[in-house]
Amino acid sequence: MMRMMVVDVRLGEAFTAGRPRVLWEAKGARYPGGTGGRIYDVAPDGQRFLMIQQRDSTPQPPLTHIVLVQNWLDELRRLVPRN
């Protein structure tokens, strides 16, 4: 089960945070863990979530490496030249 939690905060002369509470629970749905990044994002209006959901019950292998591409825009320009 996954729970999305929410906390009310107040900004001002002093930062204050309320008590965490459950915003919603996803029962029965499987969401991958240990991906090395977030599995969700929030819509700009704050009204919806987009989440990655695991479709099968096969455990996913742990993340062991990443691929970092530097200067990718230069590489793209080289591979796809503009006429």
Protein backbone atom coordinates (compact mmCIF):
# COMPACT_ATOMS: atom_id res chain seq x y z
CA MET A 1 0.00 0.00 0.00
CA MET A 2 1.22 3.49 -0.80
CA ARG A 3 0.16 6.59 1.09
CA MET A 4 0.53 10.14 -0.15
CA MET A 5 0.96 12.41 2.84
CA VAL A 6 0.34 16.15 3.13
CA VAL A 7 1.38 18.76 5.67
CA ASP A 8 0.03 22.30 6.04
CA VAL A 9 2.81 24.89 6.30
CA ARG A 10 2.90 28.57 7.13
CA LEU A 11 5.59 30.93 5.98
CA GLY A 12 6.30 34.19 7.69
CA GLU A 13 8.60 35.36 10.44
CA ALA A 14 8.81 31.72 11.52
CA PHE A 15 8.24 28.55 9.54
CA THR A 16 5.59 26.28 11.05
CA ALA A 17 4.41 22.88 9.87
CA GLY A 18 1.24 21.07 10.88
CA ARG A 19 0.79 17.40 11.55
CA PRO A 20 1.16 15.05 8.58
CA ARG A 21 -2.06 13.46 7.38
CA VAL A 22 -2.97 10.98 4.66
CA LEU A 23 -4.04 12.70 1.45
CA TRP A 24 -4.91 9.38 -0.22
CA GLU A 25 -4.01 5.70 -0.18
CA ALA A 26 -3.37 3.40 -3.13
CA LYS A 27 -4.48 -0.04 -2.00
CA GLY A 28 -3.59 -2.99 -4.19
CA ALA A 29 -1.61 -0.87 -6.65
CA ARG A 30 2.13 -1.49 -6.93
CA TYR A 31 4.51 1.41 -7.30
CA PRO A 32 8.21 0.78 -7.92
CA GLY A 33 10.59 1.65 -5.13
CA GLY A 34 14.27 2.38 -5.24
CA THR A 35 14.16 3.92 -8.70
CA GLY A 36 16.68 6.60 -7.81
CA GLY A 37 14.12 9.30 -8.52
CA ARG A 38 10.55 10.32 -7.96
CA ILE A 39 7.80 8.07 -9.22
CA TYR A 40 5.27 10.89 -9.35
CA ASP A 41 4.75 14.51 -10.29
CA VAL A 42 2.05 17.03 -9.46
CA ALA A 43 0.08 18.98 -12.07
CA PRO A 44 0.75 22.74 -12.08
CA ASP A 45 -2.73 23.41 -10.69
CA GLY A 46 -2.07 21.00 -7.79
CA GLN A 47 -5.24 19.03 -8.53
CA ARG A 48 -3.82 15.85 -10.10
CA PHE A 49 -0.89 13.45 -9.77
CA LEU A 50 0.89 11.50 -12.47
CA MET A 51 2.45 8.30 -11.13
CA ILE A 52 4.46 5.37 -12.45
CA GLN A 53 2.69 2.13 -11.62
CA GLN A 54 4.23 -1.33 -11.80
CA ARG A 55 1.98 -3.52 -13.98
CA ASP A 56 3.30 -6.98 -13.16
CA SER A 57 4.15 -8.63 -9.88
CA THR A 58 7.75 -9.40 -10.84
CA PRO A 59 10.09 -7.53 -8.48
CA GLN A 60 12.21 -5.01 -10.30
CA PRO A 61 15.99 -5.30 -10.02
CA PRO A 62 17.71 -2.58 -8.01
CA LEU A 63 19.12 0.39 -9.86
CA THR A 64 22.84 -0.27 -10.30
CA HIS A 65 23.97 2.43 -12.74
CA ILE A 66 22.86 5.51 -14.61
CA VAL A 67 23.82 6.96 -17.97
CA LEU A 68 24.81 10.63 -17.90
CA VAL A 69 24.82 12.45 -21.23
CA GLN A 70 26.65 15.75 -21.15
CA ASN A 71 26.26 18.36 -23.87
CA TRP A 72 23.31 16.43 -25.25
CA LEU A 73 22.05 19.40 -27.24
CA ASP A 74 25.36 19.59 -29.13
CA GLU A 75 25.14 15.84 -29.78
CA LEU A 76 21.57 16.22 -31.04
CA ARG A 77 22.60 19.01 -33.40
CA ARG A 78 25.43 16.84 -34.73
CA LEU A 79 23.14 13.85 -35.29
CA VAL A 80 20.23 15.83 -36.73
CA PRO A 81 21.69 18.73 -38.68
CA ARG A 82 19.37 21.50 -39.77
CA ASN A 83 19.33 22.28 -43.50
